[in-house]
Amino acid sequence: VGLRGGDETCGKPALTNLFGWAQYSVTPAPSVEFTAGARVDKRLPRNPGETSEDAAFIASASPRLGVLWMPSDRVTSRLLYGRAFRAPNVRELLV
């Protein structure tokens, strides 16, 4: 592996990412659901020349907030903030 047109080879590059997320949902009424969560991502340096001080290896957090409102069987509203980081749950698939 190397750069196009370059004589220098990079060897076999490796990529290691660590991530985790947590989410909490509460349903105060049958027609309202609140969701809050966060995801943390961290890329680890594995290749020659990479250091943990580089910007690509700084840990990042992604918040997520949501409100699901179903005033009737025909009307549904969902307000979301943040980046999706999980598969939808059964209730979200059916709405």
N, C-alpha and C. Protein backbone atom coordinates (compact mmCIF):
# COMPACT_ATOMS: atom_id res chain seq x y z
N VAL A 1 0.85 -1.17 0.00
CA VAL A 1 0.00 0.00 0.00
C VAL A 1 0.89 1.23 0.00
N GLY A 2 0.55 2.19 -0.81
CA GLY A 2 1.32 3.42 -0.86
C GLY A 2 0.52 4.51 -1.56
N LEU A 3 1.14 5.65 -1.72
CA LEU A 3 0.48 6.75 -2.40
C LEU A 3 0.64 6.60 -3.90
N ARG A 4 -0.36 7.02 -4.66
CA ARG A 4 -0.33 6.91 -6.11
C ARG A 4 0.83 7.75 -6.65
N GLY A 5 1.64 7.14 -7.47
CA GLY A 5 2.76 7.85 -8.08
C GLY A 5 3.94 8.04 -7.14
N GLY A 6 3.85 7.55 -5.94
CA GLY A 6 4.94 7.71 -4.98
C GLY A 6 5.75 6.44 -4.87
N ASP A 7 7.00 6.59 -4.47
CA ASP A 7 7.86 5.43 -4.30
C ASP A 7 7.81 4.88 -2.89
N GLU A 8 7.27 5.65 -1.96
CA GLU A 8 7.26 5.23 -0.57
C GLU A 8 6.05 4.35 -0.29
N THR A 9 6.28 3.21 0.34
CA THR A 9 5.18 2.34 0.72
C THR A 9 4.87 2.52 2.19
N CYS A 10 3.64 2.29 2.53
CA CYS A 10 3.18 2.49 3.90
C CYS A 10 3.11 1.19 4.69
N GLY A 11 3.22 0.07 4.03
CA GLY A 11 3.02 -1.19 4.72
C GLY A 11 1.55 -1.51 4.78
N LYS A 12 1.16 -2.32 5.73
CA LYS A 12 -0.25 -2.68 5.89
C LYS A 12 -0.87 -1.75 6.93
N PRO A 13 -1.69 -0.79 6.50
CA PRO A 13 -2.28 0.14 7.45
C PRO A 13 -3.33 -0.57 8.33
N ALA A 14 -3.46 -0.10 9.55
CA ALA A 14 -4.43 -0.66 10.48
C ALA A 14 -5.32 0.47 11.00
N LEU A 15 -6.53 0.15 11.32
CA LEU A 15 -7.49 1.12 11.84
C LEU A 15 -8.22 0.49 13.02
N THR A 16 -8.17 1.16 14.17
CA THR A 16 -8.86 0.67 15.37
C THR A 16 -9.69 1.80 15.95
N ASN A 17 -10.98 1.57 16.07
CA ASN A 17 -11.91 2.55 16.65
C ASN A 17 -12.57 1.94 17.88
N LEU A 18 -12.67 2.74 18.92
CA LEU A 18 -13.43 2.36 20.10
C LEU A 18 -14.65 3.27 20.17
N PHE A 19 -15.79 2.71 20.54
CA PHE A 19 -16.98 3.55 20.68
C PHE A 19 -17.92 2.92 21.70
N GLY A 20 -18.76 3.73 22.23
CA GLY A 20 -19.78 3.26 23.15
C GLY A 20 -20.89 4.29 23.23
N TRP A 21 -22.07 3.85 23.58
CA TRP A 21 -23.19 4.78 23.70
C TRP A 21 -24.11 4.35 24.83
N ALA A 22 -24.81 5.32 25.33
CA ALA A 22 -25.80 5.09 26.38
C ALA A 22 -27.03 5.92 26.04
N GLN A 23 -28.19 5.37 26.34
CA GLN A 23 -29.42 6.08 26.04
C GLN A 23 -30.45 5.76 27.11
N TYR A 24 -31.27 6.75 27.39
CA TYR A 24 -32.34 6.58 28.38
C TYR A 24 -33.63 7.15 27.78
N SER A 25 -34.71 6.40 27.88
CA SER A 25 -36.01 6.85 27.40
C SER A 25 -37.01 6.80 28.54
N VAL A 26 -37.88 7.78 28.57
CA VAL A 26 -38.94 7.81 29.56
C VAL A 26 -40.25 8.14 28.85
N THR A 27 -41.33 7.47 29.25
CA THR A 27 -42.65 7.67 28.65
C THR A 27 -43.60 8.14 29.75
N PRO A 28 -43.74 9.47 29.93
CA PRO A 28 -44.60 9.98 30.99
C PRO A 28 -46.09 9.80 30.70
N ALA A 29 -46.45 9.65 29.43
CA ALA A 29 -47.84 9.44 29.03
C ALA A 29 -47.83 8.57 27.78
N PRO A 30 -48.90 7.87 27.49
CA PRO A 30 -48.92 7.00 26.30
C PRO A 30 -48.62 7.74 24.98
N SER A 31 -48.85 9.04 24.94
CA SER A 31 -48.65 9.78 23.69
C SER A 31 -47.33 10.55 23.64
N VAL A 32 -46.51 10.49 24.70
CA VAL A 32 -45.27 11.27 24.75
C VAL A 32 -44.11 10.39 25.22
N GLU A 33 -42.98 10.52 24.53
CA GLU A 33 -41.76 9.81 24.94
C GLU A 33 -40.57 10.73 24.79
N PHE A 34 -39.73 10.81 25.81
CA PHE A 34 -38.50 11.60 25.78
C PHE A 34 -37.30 10.66 25.75
N THR A 35 -36.30 11.02 24.96
CA THR A 35 -35.09 10.22 24.85
C THR A 35 -33.88 11.12 24.97
N ALA A 36 -32.86 10.65 25.72
CA ALA A 36 -31.59 11.36 25.83
C ALA A 36 -30.48 10.33 25.78
N GLY A 37 -29.38 10.70 25.13
CA GLY A 37 -28.27 9.76 25.03
C GLY A 37 -27.00 10.45 24.59
N ALA A 38 -25.93 9.67 24.57
CA ALA A 38 -24.63 10.18 24.11
C ALA A 38 -23.81 9.03 23.56
N ARG A 39 -22.97 9.34 22.61
CA ARG A 39 -22.04 8.38 22.03
C ARG A 39 -20.65 8.97 22.12
N VAL A 40 -19.67 8.13 22.43
CA VAL A 40 -18.27 8.54 22.49
C VAL A 40 -17.48 7.69 21.51
N ASP A 41 -16.67 8.35 20.68
CA ASP A 41 -15.82 7.68 19.70
C ASP A 41 -14.36 8.03 19.95
N LYS A 42 -13.49 7.05 19.77
CA LYS A 42 -12.05 7.28 19.94
C LYS A 42 -11.31 6.39 18.95
N ARG A 43 -10.47 6.99 18.12
CA ARG A 43 -9.64 6.25 17.19
C ARG A 43 -8.26 6.10 17.80
N LEU A 44 -7.69 4.91 17.73
CA LEU A 44 -6.39 4.64 18.31
C LEU A 44 -5.30 4.66 17.24
N PRO A 45 -4.15 5.29 17.53
CA PRO A 45 -3.05 5.29 16.55
C PRO A 45 -2.41 3.90 16.50
N ARG A 46 -2.32 3.33 15.30
CA ARG A 46 -1.75 1.99 15.15
C ARG A 46 -0.65 1.94 14.10
N ASN A 47 -0.51 2.99 13.31
CA ASN A 47 0.43 2.95 12.19
C ASN A 47 1.67 3.80 12.51
N PRO A 48 2.79 3.50 11.87
CA PRO A 48 3.99 4.31 12.08
C PRO A 48 3.72 5.77 11.71
N GLY A 49 4.19 6.68 12.54
CA GLY A 49 4.02 8.10 12.29
C GLY A 49 2.77 8.70 12.91
N GLU A 50 1.87 7.88 13.40
CA GLU A 50 0.67 8.39 14.04
C GLU A 50 0.92 8.59 15.54
N THR A 51 0.43 9.71 16.06
CA THR A 51 0.56 9.96 17.51
C THR A 51 -0.81 10.32 18.06
N SER A 52 -0.99 10.08 19.34
CA SER A 52 -2.29 10.34 19.96
C SER A 52 -2.61 11.83 20.06
N GLU A 53 -1.63 12.70 19.81
CA GLU A 53 -1.87 14.14 19.84
C GLU A 53 -2.47 14.67 18.54
N ASP A 54 -2.45 13.86 17.47
CA ASP A 54 -3.03 14.30 16.20
C ASP A 54 -4.53 14.49 16.35
N ALA A 55 -5.12 15.43 15.60
CA ALA A 55 -6.54 15.75 15.71
C ALA A 55 -7.44 14.55 15.39
N ALA A 56 -6.98 13.65 14.54
CA ALA A 56 -7.80 12.50 14.16
C ALA A 56 -8.00 11.52 15.32
N PHE A 57 -7.18 11.64 16.36
CA PHE A 57 -7.24 10.67 17.46
C PHE A 57 -7.82 11.25 18.74
N ILE A 58 -8.39 12.44 18.67
CA ILE A 58 -9.03 13.04 19.84
C ILE A 58 -10.42 12.43 20.01
N ALA A 59 -10.78 12.08 21.23
CA ALA A 59 -12.10 11.50 21.49
C ALA A 59 -13.19 12.53 21.19
N SER A 60 -14.30 12.06 20.66
CA SER A 60 -15.42 12.97 20.36
C SER A 60 -16.70 12.40 20.97
N ALA A 61 -17.56 13.31 21.40
CA ALA A 61 -18.85 12.92 21.98
C ALA A 61 -19.98 13.48 21.12
N SER A 62 -21.01 12.69 20.93
CA SER A 62 -22.17 13.09 20.14
C SER A 62 -23.42 12.99 21.02
N PRO A 63 -24.02 14.12 21.40
CA PRO A 63 -25.25 14.06 22.19
C PRO A 63 -26.45 13.76 21.31
N ARG A 64 -27.51 13.26 21.91
CA ARG A 64 -28.75 13.00 21.17
C ARG A 64 -29.93 13.23 22.11
N LEU A 65 -30.89 14.00 21.63
CA LEU A 65 -32.13 14.26 22.36
C LEU A 65 -33.31 14.03 21.42
N GLY A 66 -34.41 13.59 21.95
CA GLY A 66 -35.57 13.37 21.11
C GLY A 66 -36.87 13.44 21.88
N VAL A 67 -37.91 13.86 21.18
CA VAL A 67 -39.27 13.87 21.72
C VAL A 67 -40.16 13.23 20.67
N LEU A 68 -40.92 12.23 21.09
CA LEU A 68 -41.89 11.58 20.22
C LEU A 68 -43.27 11.91 20.77
N TRP A 69 -44.13 12.51 19.93
CA TRP A 69 -45.47 12.93 20.35
C TRP A 69 -46.49 12.35 19.40
N MET A 70 -47.46 11.63 19.94
CA MET A 70 -48.52 11.00 19.14
C MET A 70 -49.87 11.42 19.70
N PRO A 71 -50.39 12.59 19.29
CA PRO A 71 -51.66 13.05 19.84
C PRO A 71 -52.85 12.21 19.38
N SER A 72 -52.73 11.52 18.25
CA SER A 72 -53.82 10.66 17.78
C SER A 72 -53.23 9.52 16.97
N ASP A 73 -54.09 8.61 16.52
CA ASP A 73 -53.62 7.49 15.71
C ASP A 73 -53.14 7.92 14.33
N ARG A 74 -53.55 9.09 13.88
CA ARG A 74 -53.19 9.55 12.54
C ARG A 74 -52.08 10.60 12.53
N VAL A 75 -51.77 11.16 13.67
CA VAL A 75 -50.78 12.25 13.74
C VAL A 75 -49.62 11.83 14.64
N THR A 76 -48.41 11.95 14.11
CA THR A 76 -47.20 11.66 14.88
C THR A 76 -46.17 12.74 14.60
N SER A 77 -45.49 13.16 15.65
CA SER A 77 -44.44 14.16 15.49
C SER A 77 -43.20 13.69 16.24
N ARG A 78 -42.06 13.85 15.62
CA ARG A 78 -40.80 13.46 16.24
C ARG A 78 -39.80 14.59 16.06
N LEU A 79 -39.29 15.10 17.15
CA LEU A 79 -38.25 16.13 17.12
C LEU A 79 -36.97 15.49 17.61
N LEU A 80 -35.90 15.60 16.81
CA LEU A 80 -34.63 14.98 17.16
C LEU A 80 -33.50 15.99 17.08
N TYR A 81 -32.55 15.85 17.97
CA TYR A 81 -31.33 16.64 17.93
C TYR A 81 -30.16 15.68 18.06
N GLY A 82 -29.17 15.85 17.21
CA GLY A 82 -27.97 15.02 17.29
C GLY A 82 -27.91 14.01 16.18
N ARG A 83 -26.93 13.16 16.28
CA ARG A 83 -26.65 12.16 15.27
C ARG A 83 -27.20 10.81 15.73
N ALA A 84 -27.81 10.08 14.81
CA ALA A 84 -28.32 8.75 15.15
C ALA A 84 -27.14 7.81 15.34
N PHE A 85 -27.20 6.98 16.38
CA PHE A 85 -26.08 6.08 16.63
C PHE A 85 -26.53 4.70 17.08
N ARG A 86 -27.74 4.36 16.80
CA ARG A 86 -28.24 3.04 17.17
C ARG A 86 -29.38 2.66 16.22
N ALA A 87 -29.74 1.41 16.25
CA ALA A 87 -30.87 0.94 15.46
C ALA A 87 -32.16 1.41 16.14
N PRO A 88 -33.20 1.71 15.37
CA PRO A 88 -34.47 2.14 15.97
C PRO A 88 -35.10 1.01 16.78
N ASN A 89 -35.80 1.38 17.85
CA ASN A 89 -36.48 0.35 18.65
C ASN A 89 -37.82 0.00 17.98
N VAL A 90 -38.49 -1.00 18.52
CA VAL A 90 -39.73 -1.51 17.91
C VAL A 90 -40.79 -0.41 17.84
N ARG A 91 -40.92 0.38 18.88
CA ARG A 91 -41.94 1.44 18.89
C ARG A 91 -41.67 2.43 17.77
N GLU A 92 -40.41 2.79 17.55
CA GLU A 92 -40.09 3.75 16.49
C GLU A 92 -40.33 3.17 15.11
N LEU A 93 -40.14 1.88 14.95
CA LEU A 93 -40.39 1.23 13.65
C LEU A 93 -41.88 1.21 13.32
N LEU A 94 -42.72 1.06 14.34
CA LEU A 94 -44.16 0.96 14.12
C LEU A 94 -44.84 2.32 13.96
N VAL A 95 -44.17 3.39 14.39
CA VAL A 95 -44.76 4.74 14.32
C VAL A 95 -44.48 5.36 12.99
